[in-house]
Every structure is written in structure tokens, then in C-alpha cells.
Amino acid sequence: MTINVNNPEADVLTRKFAAIAGVGITEAVVIAMKEAIARRRTAQTPLEAAARLRQKHRVVLAAETRKPLPGAVFDAMWGDE
């Protein structure tokens, strides 16, 4: 099966990556797609990243800090009092 990409930027990027990796453009596409898929599979969700950062910096969320702020707080921030 073939891929036909008619995008000048994609062509430039693929050729640049192929030159850096020392491979042909077909192999460059395969490598890039494998790396992109692997990154996406191992990427953290925003909740996971937040939990990791809280643990790293020893931030503990008390019950009080989990409550949403009242609308008046946001109104005051934007001057909509």
C-alpha cells in the first residue's frame, strides 16, 4: 500500500528527519510514526500529571481546597462585582 503526501512542509520535515537519522524517507516515516505512537501511549493525562507534581512537591489537597470557589471570587478578579 502506498502513501501519497502532497504537503511541502511534510516533505521537508520528512527529508530533514531522514537526514538526521541516516535513513531513507520511507524508513524515516516509519520511525517517526512509531515514536509518535509510543509517546502518545505513555503520555500522562492532565490528572496524572497534576497528581505526580503534587507528590513531587509534597502538596496535599485538603477537603477545603477541593471545593470550587464561589462565583463572586471570579467576578472580583475580572472587576464584574
N, C-alpha and C. Protein backbone atom coordinates (compact mmCIF):
# COMPACT_ATOMS: atom_id res chain seq x y z
N MET A 1 0.85 -1.18 0.00
CA MET A 1 0.00 0.00 0.00
C MET A 1 0.90 1.24 0.00
N THR A 2 0.46 2.27 -0.66
CA THR A 2 1.28 3.48 -0.77
C THR A 2 0.66 4.64 -0.01
N ILE A 3 1.51 5.56 0.34
CA ILE A 3 1.08 6.82 0.94
C ILE A 3 1.52 7.92 -0.02
N ASN A 4 0.61 8.82 -0.30
CA ASN A 4 0.94 9.95 -1.15
C ASN A 4 0.66 11.21 -0.36
N VAL A 5 1.69 11.92 0.01
CA VAL A 5 1.54 13.14 0.80
C VAL A 5 1.87 14.33 -0.08
N ASN A 6 0.90 15.18 -0.28
CA ASN A 6 1.09 16.36 -1.12
C ASN A 6 1.15 17.61 -0.25
N ASN A 7 2.09 17.60 0.66
CA ASN A 7 2.25 18.73 1.57
C ASN A 7 3.72 19.09 1.60
N PRO A 8 4.08 20.28 1.13
CA PRO A 8 5.50 20.65 1.09
C PRO A 8 6.17 20.62 2.46
N GLU A 9 5.47 21.04 3.50
CA GLU A 9 6.06 21.03 4.83
C GLU A 9 6.35 19.60 5.29
N ALA A 10 5.41 18.69 5.03
CA ALA A 10 5.61 17.28 5.39
C ALA A 10 6.81 16.71 4.67
N ASP A 11 6.98 17.08 3.41
CA ASP A 11 8.12 16.60 2.63
C ASP A 11 9.43 17.11 3.23
N VAL A 12 9.47 18.40 3.53
CA VAL A 12 10.69 18.99 4.10
C VAL A 12 11.03 18.35 5.44
N LEU A 13 10.03 18.21 6.30
CA LEU A 13 10.26 17.63 7.61
C LEU A 13 10.71 16.17 7.51
N THR A 14 10.08 15.43 6.62
CA THR A 14 10.45 14.02 6.46
C THR A 14 11.88 13.88 5.96
N ARG A 15 12.24 14.69 4.99
CA ARG A 15 13.60 14.62 4.46
C ARG A 15 14.63 15.07 5.50
N LYS A 16 14.28 16.07 6.28
CA LYS A 16 15.19 16.54 7.33
C LYS A 16 15.39 15.44 8.38
N PHE A 17 14.29 14.81 8.80
CA PHE A 17 14.38 13.73 9.78
C PHE A 17 15.18 12.56 9.21
N ALA A 18 14.95 12.22 7.94
CA ALA A 18 15.67 11.12 7.31
C ALA A 18 17.17 11.40 7.31
N ALA A 19 17.55 12.65 7.03
CA ALA A 19 18.97 13.00 7.02
C ALA A 19 19.56 12.89 8.42
N ILE A 20 18.84 13.36 9.42
CA ILE A 20 19.32 13.28 10.80
C ILE A 20 19.48 11.83 11.24
N ALA A 21 18.49 11.00 10.90
CA ALA A 21 18.50 9.60 11.32
C ALA A 21 19.39 8.74 10.42
N GLY A 22 19.77 9.27 9.26
CA GLY A 22 20.61 8.50 8.35
C GLY A 22 19.87 7.36 7.67
N VAL A 23 18.60 7.60 7.37
CA VAL A 23 17.77 6.57 6.73
C VAL A 23 17.05 7.19 5.53
N GLY A 24 16.41 6.35 4.75
CA GLY A 24 15.60 6.83 3.63
C GLY A 24 14.30 7.44 4.14
N ILE A 25 13.59 8.09 3.23
CA ILE A 25 12.36 8.78 3.68
C ILE A 25 11.27 7.81 4.12
N THR A 26 11.20 6.63 3.52
CA THR A 26 10.20 5.66 3.95
C THR A 26 10.48 5.20 5.38
N GLU A 27 11.73 4.86 5.65
CA GLU A 27 12.10 4.44 6.99
C GLU A 27 11.93 5.58 7.99
N ALA A 28 12.19 6.81 7.54
CA ALA A 28 12.01 7.98 8.41
C ALA A 28 10.55 8.10 8.85
N VAL A 29 9.63 7.88 7.93
CA VAL A 29 8.20 7.95 8.26
C VAL A 29 7.85 6.85 9.26
N VAL A 30 8.36 5.64 9.03
CA VAL A 30 8.08 4.52 9.94
C VAL A 30 8.61 4.83 11.34
N ILE A 31 9.84 5.30 11.42
CA ILE A 31 10.43 5.63 12.73
C ILE A 31 9.63 6.72 13.42
N ALA A 32 9.31 7.77 12.69
CA ALA A 32 8.59 8.90 13.28
C ALA A 32 7.21 8.47 13.79
N MET A 33 6.52 7.64 13.02
CA MET A 33 5.19 7.20 13.44
C MET A 33 5.28 6.28 14.66
N LYS A 34 6.27 5.39 14.70
CA LYS A 34 6.44 4.52 15.86
C LYS A 34 6.72 5.35 17.11
N GLU A 35 7.59 6.36 16.97
CA GLU A 35 7.92 7.21 18.12
C GLU A 35 6.70 8.02 18.57
N ALA A 36 5.95 8.54 17.63
CA ALA A 36 4.76 9.33 17.97
C ALA A 36 3.72 8.47 18.69
N ILE A 37 3.52 7.26 18.20
CA ILE A 37 2.55 6.35 18.83
C ILE A 37 3.02 5.99 20.24
N ALA A 38 4.30 5.69 20.39
CA ALA A 38 4.83 5.34 21.72
C ALA A 38 4.67 6.49 22.69
N ARG A 39 4.97 7.72 22.23
CA ARG A 39 4.81 8.89 23.10
C ARG A 39 3.36 9.07 23.54
N ARG A 40 2.45 8.89 22.61
CA ARG A 40 1.03 9.07 22.96
C ARG A 40 0.53 7.99 23.91
N ARG A 41 1.04 6.79 23.75
CA ARG A 41 0.63 5.70 24.64
C ARG A 41 1.13 5.90 26.06
N THR A 42 2.29 6.53 26.20
CA THR A 42 2.86 6.70 27.53
C THR A 42 2.62 8.09 28.11
N ALA A 43 1.93 8.93 27.36
CA ALA A 43 1.67 10.30 27.84
C ALA A 43 0.73 10.27 29.05
N GLN A 44 0.99 11.16 29.96
CA GLN A 44 0.13 11.27 31.14
C GLN A 44 -1.10 12.10 30.81
N THR A 45 -2.19 11.74 31.46
CA THR A 45 -3.37 12.59 31.37
C THR A 45 -3.11 13.82 32.24
N PRO A 46 -3.86 14.88 32.05
CA PRO A 46 -3.67 16.05 32.93
C PRO A 46 -3.83 15.71 34.41
N LEU A 47 -4.77 14.83 34.75
CA LEU A 47 -4.96 14.45 36.15
C LEU A 47 -3.75 13.69 36.69
N GLU A 48 -3.18 12.81 35.86
CA GLU A 48 -2.00 12.06 36.27
C GLU A 48 -0.80 13.00 36.47
N ALA A 49 -0.65 13.95 35.56
CA ALA A 49 0.46 14.91 35.67
C ALA A 49 0.30 15.75 36.93
N ALA A 50 -0.92 16.20 37.20
CA ALA A 50 -1.17 17.01 38.40
C ALA A 50 -0.85 16.20 39.66
N ALA A 51 -1.28 14.95 39.69
CA ALA A 51 -1.01 14.09 40.85
C ALA A 51 0.49 13.88 41.03
N ARG A 52 1.20 13.66 39.93
CA ARG A 52 2.65 13.47 40.00
C ARG A 52 3.34 14.72 40.54
N LEU A 53 2.92 15.88 40.07
CA LEU A 53 3.53 17.13 40.52
C LEU A 53 3.20 17.43 41.98
N ARG A 54 1.96 17.12 42.39
CA ARG A 54 1.61 17.32 43.81
C ARG A 54 2.48 16.43 44.69
N GLN A 55 2.68 15.19 44.27
CA GLN A 55 3.51 14.27 45.05
C GLN A 55 4.96 14.74 45.07
N LYS A 56 5.47 15.16 43.93
CA LYS A 56 6.86 15.60 43.85
C LYS A 56 7.11 16.80 44.76
N HIS A 57 6.17 17.73 44.82
CA HIS A 57 6.34 18.95 45.61
C HIS A 57 5.64 18.88 46.97
N ARG A 58 5.20 17.68 47.31
CA ARG A 58 4.57 17.42 48.60
C ARG A 58 3.39 18.36 48.88
N VAL A 59 2.55 18.51 47.88
CA VAL A 59 1.35 19.33 48.03
C VAL A 59 0.20 18.40 48.38
N VAL A 60 -0.44 18.67 49.50
CA VAL A 60 -1.57 17.86 49.94
C VAL A 60 -2.84 18.68 49.77
N LEU A 61 -3.81 18.10 49.09
CA LEU A 61 -5.08 18.79 48.90
C LEU A 61 -6.03 18.40 50.03
N ALA A 62 -6.35 19.36 50.85
CA ALA A 62 -7.30 19.13 51.93
C ALA A 62 -8.72 19.21 51.35
N ALA A 63 -9.68 18.75 52.11
CA ALA A 63 -11.07 18.79 51.65
C ALA A 63 -11.48 20.21 51.29
N GLU A 64 -11.01 21.18 52.05
CA GLU A 64 -11.38 22.58 51.80
C GLU A 64 -10.84 23.06 50.46
N THR A 65 -9.66 22.62 50.08
CA THR A 65 -9.08 23.08 48.82
C THR A 65 -9.71 22.42 47.60
N ARG A 66 -10.48 21.38 47.81
CA ARG A 66 -11.15 20.71 46.70
C ARG A 66 -12.50 21.35 46.36
N LYS A 67 -12.97 22.24 47.21
CA LYS A 67 -14.26 22.89 46.96
C LYS A 67 -14.09 24.00 45.91
N PRO A 68 -15.02 24.11 44.97
CA PRO A 68 -14.92 25.19 43.99
C PRO A 68 -15.08 26.56 44.65
N LEU A 69 -14.42 27.53 44.09
CA LEU A 69 -14.56 28.90 44.61
C LEU A 69 -15.92 29.45 44.22
N PRO A 70 -16.47 30.32 45.06
CA PRO A 70 -17.75 30.93 44.70
C PRO A 70 -17.58 31.87 43.50
N GLY A 71 -18.63 32.05 42.76
CA GLY A 71 -18.60 32.90 41.58
C GLY A 71 -18.13 34.32 41.87
N ALA A 72 -18.40 34.81 43.08
CA ALA A 72 -18.01 36.18 43.45
C ALA A 72 -16.49 36.36 43.37
N VAL A 73 -15.74 35.31 43.63
CA VAL A 73 -14.27 35.40 43.57
C VAL A 73 -13.84 35.71 42.14
N PHE A 74 -14.45 35.02 41.17
CA PHE A 74 -14.09 35.24 39.77
C PHE A 74 -14.60 36.60 39.29
N ASP A 75 -15.77 37.00 39.78
CA ASP A 75 -16.30 38.32 39.43
C ASP A 75 -15.34 39.41 39.90
N ALA A 76 -14.81 39.24 41.12
CA ALA A 76 -13.89 40.23 41.68
C ALA A 76 -12.59 40.27 40.88
N MET A 77 -12.13 39.11 40.41
CA MET A 77 -10.90 39.08 39.62
C MET A 77 -11.05 39.85 38.32
N TRP A 78 -12.22 39.76 37.72
CA TRP A 78 -12.45 40.41 36.43
C TRP A 78 -13.11 41.77 36.57
N GLY A 79 -13.32 42.21 37.80
CA GLY A 79 -13.92 43.52 38.00
C GLY A 79 -15.41 43.56 37.68
N ASP A 80 -16.07 42.43 37.77
CA ASP A 80 -17.51 42.36 37.47
C ASP A 80 -18.36 42.35 38.75
N GLU A 81 -17.90 43.03 39.76
CA GLU A 81 -18.60 42.97 41.05
C GLU A 81 -19.95 43.60 40.99
